[in-house]
Structures are given as structure tokens and as C-alpha cells.
Amino acid sequence: MFGHDPRRAIVHPSAVCDPAARAATGAMVGSETRIGSGTRLAPYAVVDARSTVGSDAIIGPHAVVHRDVTIGDGVQLGSHVVVHPHTTIGAGTVVGDHAVLGKPVRLREGSAAAGRAVEGLRIGEGSTVGASAVVNAGATIGDRSIVGDQAFVRERATIGSGTVVGRGSTVDCDVTVGDRVSIQTDVYVTARSVVEDDVFLGPGAHTTNDDRMGRAPLGPDGAPDPSAIELAGATIRRGARIGGRTVLVPGVEIGEDAFVAAGAVVTRDVPPARRVMGVPARDAGEVPVQERLAGRE
């Protein structure tokens, strides 16, 4: 028998709950849901229909797990976490209070951010999502990665393994971030950017993707046509380092092992293993061999 007091917790008759699981006062378990051994539902936690929760998980007070969610062994959801439908959370992941996972996407009509269909959020094993972070449906977070407090990861963004997205940073839609990337506090990675493995983005660094700054060209009927806006994010190659408060204009490429000094405004491509600094950024010599990834492998 599932460890709950039927006078205080509500469990649907079709739910399959391990006898070693526990549900506290006010907890609710929906139809056809499966709860694994040793899992604990805190007061007023809700796990909706057809969801699966593995063993030794913790669903925090007032957390809401919507239908068709899969939660792995040992996952911990903090207080007031919301997990939207079709989200998958890998084993050992920890989610901070008030985080929102798998948030549905809503765009204004004609938005240039519209793209292919959005599927469920996928979070790998051993990852961390900070307090009040928001991760949209359709994103993918790799194993052992960290999405910091109040960070925002949008639909169709892919973040690799061992990567950190710092507090208050945004990874926009259709962005690819590699493995072991360090995205510091308050960074903005704009839509349609590529950030390869082992990149460093300093605090407050910003990428941009729209030379027209939202001013849509006119269509054949003389009306603005937002779908005609051509977005081009930054491409930041493996091992590049971008200093704090740097700005990258649309479409620039930062070469492998390049170094961009703090506060620079980059208006042209930066070749591999070169240093640039200033406004606009200018060449400042070669990156020493001992600082390059190739020199350390």
C-alpha cells in the first residue's frame, strides 16, 4: 500500500505507487501515474496523469508536475516548481524553488523567432536548474550542466554537457551551445548563434542578430513583412574567450582560441588565435601558444 493517509492525500485508483513511497498532506497523484520506491511527495505536491517518477525522488511543497512527464531516479524538485507536459528530467537532477520547466511557447503573430515544431524539454542526468529559472519546451540540456538562478533558456536551444549558464543569462531560441562552455552572469546569447565547446563568455557579454533592429522590410503590398527579416547570430569557435560587456554585431565569427578583451565592440570576424580590443575591436596580436587549447592537449 502506498504510504499515504487517504484522508489527507489523494491518489487516483489507477496510479501505481511503490509501497515504500510517501505522500504528505494535500499531495495528489493522477491517473495512470507511476511513483517509484523511496520517492517523497511533500505537502500539496501534485503529480498529474500518466507521469512517471523514479525511485528516491523528492517532489517539493506545492510543486506541480503536469501530465506525461518523466522524472528520473533521485531527482529533487524544490518548492513551487512547475513542470509542464512532455518534459523529461534525467536522474540526479536538482531543480531550485520556483523554477519553470517545459514552459509553452507563445509568440506574437509573424515573429521572426517562429520555427519548426516544439517538442518536450529534455534535461540530462546530474544537471542543476536554479531558483526561478525558466526553460522552455523544446530545449535540450545536457548531462551535468547548470542553468543558474533566474536564467532563461528558450525553445529549440541545445546546451551540451558540463556547461554553465550563469545567473540571469539568456540563451535564445535556435542556439547551439557545446560542452564545457562557461556563460557567466547576465550574458545574452541571441537566436541562431553557435557557441562551440570550451568557450568562455564573460559577464554581461551580448551577441546580436538583426542589423535592421526589428524594422521589417516592406513586402509587395507595401506593408512591413516580419518574415523577411534575416537573422544572423554570432558563431564562436572552440576555445574562444569573450570578455565582460563585449558586444558582437550580427553575423560575426570569433575564431578558435581567439581572445576578445572586455568592453570591445566586434564588427568584423576575428581570426583564430588572435587578440582584439577596443571600440571598434582591432587586432592586438597573437594569443600565446601556452594559452591555446591546442597547446594544452
Protein backbone atom coordinates (compact mmCIF):
# COMPACT_ATOMS: atom_id res chain seq x y z
CA MET A 1 0.00 0.00 0.00
CA PHE A 2 1.32 3.47 -0.97
CA GLY A 3 2.42 5.34 2.16
CA HIS A 4 -0.27 8.00 2.46
CA ASP A 5 -3.23 8.85 4.61
CA PRO A 6 -6.27 8.67 2.29
CA ARG A 7 -7.94 11.30 4.44
CA ARG A 8 -5.19 13.80 3.65
CA ALA A 9 -3.58 12.81 0.28
CA ILE A 10 -5.47 11.97 -2.92
CA VAL A 11 -4.22 9.11 -5.12
CA HIS A 12 -6.12 8.03 -8.22
CA PRO A 13 -7.09 4.33 -8.14
CA SER A 14 -5.25 3.67 -11.42
CA ALA A 15 -1.95 5.13 -10.17
CA VAL A 16 0.83 2.60 -9.50
CA CYS A 17 2.81 3.65 -6.43
CA ASP A 18 5.57 1.68 -4.73
CA PRO A 19 4.75 0.79 -1.11
CA ALA A 20 7.97 2.50 0.01
CA ALA A 21 6.95 5.85 -1.49
CA ARG A 22 5.34 8.50 0.68
CA ALA A 23 2.81 11.29 0.09
CA ALA A 24 2.20 14.07 2.63
CA THR A 25 -0.90 16.09 3.45
CA GLY A 26 -2.62 17.56 0.42
CA ALA A 27 -0.49 15.71 -2.15
CA MET A 28 -2.25 14.49 -5.31
CA VAL A 29 -1.33 11.69 -7.74
CA GLY A 30 -3.19 11.48 -11.05
CA SER A 31 -4.46 8.59 -13.11
CA GLU A 32 -2.01 6.04 -14.55
CA THR A 33 0.91 7.76 -12.86
CA ARG A 34 3.80 5.64 -11.54
CA ILE A 35 5.73 6.56 -8.39
CA GLY A 36 8.96 4.70 -7.58
CA SER A 37 10.37 3.33 -4.36
CA GLY A 38 11.52 5.81 -1.73
CA THR A 39 10.06 8.83 -3.52
CA ARG A 40 8.51 11.52 -1.33
CA LEU A 41 5.74 13.92 -2.25
CA ALA A 42 5.83 16.94 0.05
CA PRO A 43 2.67 18.69 1.27
CA TYR A 44 0.39 19.80 -1.58
CA ALA A 45 2.68 18.46 -4.31
CA VAL A 46 0.80 17.40 -7.46
CA VAL A 47 1.82 14.75 -10.00
CA ASP A 48 -0.70 14.68 -12.83
CA ALA A 49 -1.88 11.89 -15.09
CA ARG A 50 0.38 9.46 -16.96
CA SER A 51 3.58 10.79 -15.44
CA THR A 52 6.44 8.62 -14.19
CA VAL A 53 8.57 9.44 -11.17
CA GLY A 54 11.58 7.21 -10.46
CA SER A 55 12.97 5.99 -7.17
CA ASP A 56 14.20 8.19 -4.31
CA ALA A 57 12.94 11.42 -5.88
CA ILE A 58 11.65 14.42 -3.94
CA ILE A 59 8.73 16.48 -5.19
CA GLY A 60 8.78 19.65 -3.10
CA PRO A 61 5.96 21.51 -1.39
CA HIS A 62 3.38 22.90 -3.81
CA ALA A 63 5.34 21.63 -6.84
CA VAL A 64 3.17 20.83 -9.86
CA VAL A 65 4.17 18.08 -12.29
CA HIS A 66 1.82 18.14 -15.25
CA ARG A 67 0.73 15.15 -17.33
CA ASP A 68 3.06 12.95 -19.39
CA VAL A 69 6.24 13.96 -17.56
CA THR A 70 9.15 11.59 -16.91
CA ILE A 71 11.30 12.19 -13.82
CA GLY A 72 14.37 10.02 -13.22
CA ASP A 73 15.72 8.44 -10.05
CA GLY A 74 16.95 10.78 -7.36
CA VAL A 75 15.59 13.97 -8.91
CA GLN A 76 14.84 16.79 -6.46
CA LEU A 77 12.22 19.42 -7.24
CA GLY A 78 12.13 22.44 -4.93
CA SER A 79 9.13 24.30 -3.63
CA HIS A 80 6.62 25.64 -6.17
CA VAL A 81 8.44 24.16 -9.17
CA VAL A 82 6.22 23.79 -12.26
CA VAL A 83 6.98 21.04 -14.80
CA HIS A 84 4.91 21.28 -17.97
CA PRO A 85 3.74 18.32 -20.10
CA HIS A 86 6.13 16.07 -22.04
CA THR A 87 9.22 17.15 -20.07
CA THR A 88 11.92 14.58 -19.29
CA ILE A 89 14.27 15.15 -16.33
CA GLY A 90 17.33 12.90 -16.06
CA ALA A 91 18.37 11.05 -12.94
CA GLY A 92 20.04 13.04 -10.17
CA THR A 93 18.98 16.45 -11.45
CA VAL A 94 18.24 19.16 -8.87
CA VAL A 95 15.71 21.91 -9.60
CA GLY A 96 15.54 25.03 -7.43
CA ASP A 97 12.49 26.69 -5.95
CA HIS A 98 10.00 28.39 -8.32
CA ALA A 99 11.72 27.12 -11.49
CA VAL A 100 9.51 26.55 -14.55
CA LEU A 101 10.42 23.66 -16.85
CA GLY A 102 8.97 23.00 -20.30
CA LYS A 103 7.17 26.35 -20.44
CA PRO A 104 4.89 26.50 -23.50
CA VAL A 105 5.95 28.87 -26.28
CA ARG A 106 3.83 31.89 -27.19
CA LEU A 107 4.96 34.28 -29.93
CA ARG A 108 3.41 37.34 -31.48
CA GLU A 109 1.95 36.94 -34.95
CA GLY A 110 4.65 36.99 -37.63
CA SER A 111 7.50 36.70 -35.11
CA ALA A 112 10.91 36.13 -36.70
CA ALA A 113 11.57 33.65 -33.86
CA ALA A 114 8.98 31.21 -35.20
CA GLY A 115 10.48 27.93 -36.38
CA ARG A 116 9.90 24.21 -36.54
CA ALA A 117 7.53 22.48 -34.15
CA VAL A 118 8.46 22.42 -30.48
CA GLU A 119 8.75 19.11 -28.64
CA GLY A 120 9.14 18.39 -24.92
CA LEU A 121 12.01 19.72 -22.82
CA ARG A 122 14.85 17.26 -22.21
CA ILE A 123 17.24 17.66 -19.25
CA GLY A 124 20.14 15.25 -18.89
CA GLU A 125 21.39 13.41 -15.83
CA GLY A 126 23.05 15.15 -12.89
CA SER A 127 22.15 18.66 -14.02
CA THR A 128 21.07 21.66 -11.95
CA VAL A 129 18.37 24.22 -12.71
CA GLY A 130 18.49 27.20 -10.37
CA ALA A 131 15.77 29.00 -8.47
CA SER A 132 13.27 30.91 -10.63
CA ALA A 133 14.95 29.76 -13.85
CA VAL A 134 12.70 29.26 -16.89
CA VAL A 135 13.46 26.63 -19.53
CA ASN A 136 11.06 26.48 -22.47
CA ALA A 137 9.58 23.43 -24.11
CA GLY A 138 11.73 22.23 -26.99
CA ALA A 139 15.07 22.95 -25.30
CA THR A 140 17.69 20.29 -24.58
CA ILE A 141 20.09 20.46 -21.61
CA GLY A 142 22.99 18.00 -21.49
CA ASP A 143 24.30 15.93 -18.59
CA ARG A 144 25.92 17.67 -15.61
CA SER A 145 25.09 21.15 -16.85
CA ILE A 146 23.95 24.09 -14.73
CA VAL A 147 21.28 26.65 -15.58
CA GLY A 148 21.69 29.35 -12.95
CA ASP A 149 19.15 31.22 -10.87
CA GLN A 150 16.77 33.37 -12.95
CA ALA A 151 18.34 32.21 -16.22
CA PHE A 152 16.19 31.72 -19.32
CA VAL A 153 16.67 29.04 -22.00
CA ARG A 154 14.33 29.26 -24.97
CA GLU A 155 12.77 26.75 -27.35
CA ARG A 156 14.99 24.71 -29.68
CA ALA A 157 18.12 25.76 -27.79
CA THR A 158 20.60 22.93 -27.25
CA ILE A 159 23.10 23.07 -24.40
CA GLY A 160 25.83 20.46 -24.18
CA SER A 161 27.29 18.54 -21.24
CA GLY A 162 29.19 20.17 -18.39
CA THR A 163 28.14 23.67 -19.45
CA VAL A 164 27.22 26.53 -17.10
CA VAL A 165 24.61 29.19 -17.93
CA GLY A 166 25.10 31.90 -15.32
CA ARG A 167 22.60 33.77 -13.21
CA GLY A 168 20.19 35.92 -15.20
CA SER A 169 21.62 34.89 -18.57
CA THR A 170 19.50 34.15 -21.64
CA VAL A 171 20.11 31.51 -24.28
CA ASP A 172 17.70 32.42 -27.05
CA CYS A 173 15.83 30.17 -29.48
CA ASP A 174 17.67 28.09 -32.10
CA VAL A 175 21.03 28.41 -30.34
CA THR A 176 23.57 25.59 -30.11
CA VAL A 177 25.93 25.65 -27.12
CA GLY A 178 28.64 23.00 -26.89
CA ASP A 179 30.23 21.10 -24.00
CA ARG A 180 32.14 22.67 -21.08
CA VAL A 181 31.08 26.20 -22.03
CA SER A 182 31.16 28.87 -19.32
CA ILE A 183 28.44 31.50 -19.76
CA GLN A 184 28.80 33.99 -16.94
CA THR A 185 26.19 36.26 -15.27
CA ASP A 186 23.82 38.41 -17.39
CA VAL A 187 25.01 37.15 -20.77
CA TYR A 188 22.72 37.28 -23.80
CA VAL A 189 23.24 34.64 -26.50
CA THR A 190 20.97 35.73 -29.33
CA ALA A 191 18.88 33.50 -31.57
CA ARG A 192 20.66 31.48 -34.28
CA SER A 193 24.06 31.66 -32.64
CA VAL A 194 26.57 28.82 -32.37
CA VAL A 195 28.85 28.53 -29.34
CA GLU A 196 31.32 25.67 -29.67
CA ASP A 197 33.00 23.59 -26.94
CA ASP A 198 35.17 25.19 -24.21
CA VAL A 199 34.11 28.79 -24.94
CA PHE A 200 34.14 31.43 -22.20
CA LEU A 201 31.59 34.28 -22.27
CA GLY A 202 32.31 36.94 -19.66
CA PRO A 203 29.72 38.73 -17.50
CA GLY A 204 27.35 40.93 -19.46
CA ALA A 205 28.60 39.85 -22.90
CA HIS A 206 25.98 40.33 -25.62
CA THR A 207 25.50 38.93 -29.09
CA THR A 208 23.11 40.46 -31.64
CA ASN A 209 21.45 39.08 -34.77
CA ASP A 210 19.44 41.78 -36.55
CA ASP A 211 21.10 44.61 -38.48
CA ARG A 212 17.67 46.10 -39.14
CA MET A 213 16.86 46.19 -35.38
CA GLY A 214 13.33 44.95 -35.92
CA ARG A 215 12.48 47.29 -38.82
CA ALA A 216 10.95 44.79 -41.21
CA PRO A 217 11.40 45.35 -44.96
CA LEU A 218 8.30 46.19 -46.96
CA GLY A 219 6.54 43.40 -48.82
CA PRO A 220 4.98 43.57 -52.30
CA ASP A 221 1.83 45.05 -50.78
CA GLY A 222 3.79 47.88 -49.19
CA ALA A 223 3.25 46.57 -45.65
CA PRO A 224 6.10 45.52 -43.32
CA ASP A 225 6.92 41.83 -43.68
CA PRO A 226 8.48 40.46 -40.43
CA SER A 227 9.13 37.09 -42.08
CA ALA A 228 11.61 38.81 -44.42
CA ILE A 229 13.93 39.79 -41.56
CA GLU A 230 17.17 37.81 -41.93
CA LEU A 231 18.59 36.94 -38.52
CA ALA A 232 22.27 36.04 -38.21
CA GLY A 233 23.66 35.29 -34.76
CA ALA A 234 27.30 35.01 -33.77
CA THR A 235 29.50 31.97 -34.37
CA ILE A 236 32.02 31.48 -31.57
CA ARG A 237 34.52 28.76 -32.30
CA ARG A 238 36.06 26.27 -29.89
CA GLY A 239 38.08 27.68 -27.02
CA ALA A 240 37.40 31.34 -27.80
CA ARG A 241 37.27 33.73 -24.83
CA ILE A 242 34.95 36.73 -24.81
CA GLY A 243 35.46 39.39 -22.13
CA GLY A 244 32.81 41.03 -19.98
CA ARG A 245 30.48 43.62 -21.56
CA THR A 246 31.64 42.71 -25.05
CA VAL A 247 29.18 43.26 -27.92
CA LEU A 248 29.24 41.10 -31.04
CA VAL A 249 27.36 42.54 -34.02
CA PRO A 250 25.16 40.28 -36.20
CA GLY A 251 26.84 37.50 -38.12
CA VAL A 252 30.41 37.84 -36.83
CA GLU A 253 32.61 34.78 -36.32
CA ILE A 254 35.12 34.54 -33.50
CA GLY A 255 37.86 32.08 -34.44
CA GLU A 256 39.13 29.14 -32.43
CA ASP A 257 41.17 30.20 -29.38
CA ALA A 258 40.63 33.88 -30.15
CA PHE A 259 40.57 36.40 -27.27
CA VAL A 260 38.22 39.41 -27.18
CA ALA A 261 39.05 41.96 -24.49
CA ALA A 262 36.41 43.28 -22.10
CA GLY A 263 34.20 46.05 -23.45
CA ALA A 264 35.11 45.51 -27.10
CA VAL A 265 32.59 46.01 -29.89
CA VAL A 266 33.32 43.38 -32.52
CA THR A 267 32.22 44.44 -36.01
CA ARG A 268 34.36 42.05 -38.07
CA ASP A 269 35.34 38.39 -37.92
CA VAL A 270 38.22 37.60 -35.57
CA PRO A 271 40.76 35.09 -36.95
CA PRO A 272 41.76 32.05 -34.90
CA ALA A 273 44.23 32.63 -32.05
CA ARG A 274 44.19 36.44 -32.39
CA ARG A 275 43.55 39.05 -29.73
CA VAL A 276 41.29 42.04 -30.33
CA MET A 277 40.36 45.02 -28.17
CA GLY A 278 38.67 48.41 -28.36
CA VAL A 279 35.68 50.11 -30.00
CA PRO A 280 35.52 49.01 -32.72
CA ALA A 281 37.69 45.99 -31.94
CA ARG A 282 41.14 45.97 -33.54
CA ASP A 283 43.85 43.36 -33.72
CA ALA A 284 46.13 43.33 -30.67
CA GLY A 285 48.45 40.48 -31.52
CA GLU A 286 48.57 36.73 -31.21
CA VAL A 287 47.26 34.58 -28.37
CA PRO A 288 50.29 32.89 -26.78
CA VAL A 289 50.63 29.23 -27.66
CA GLN A 290 50.53 28.20 -23.99
CA GLU A 291 47.06 29.79 -23.63
CA ARG A 292 45.56 27.92 -26.55
CA LEU A 293 43.62 24.71 -26.11
CA ALA A 294 45.78 23.02 -28.73
CA GLY A 295 48.83 23.81 -26.61
CA ARG A 296 47.30 22.06 -23.60
CA GLU A 297 46.17 18.80 -25.21
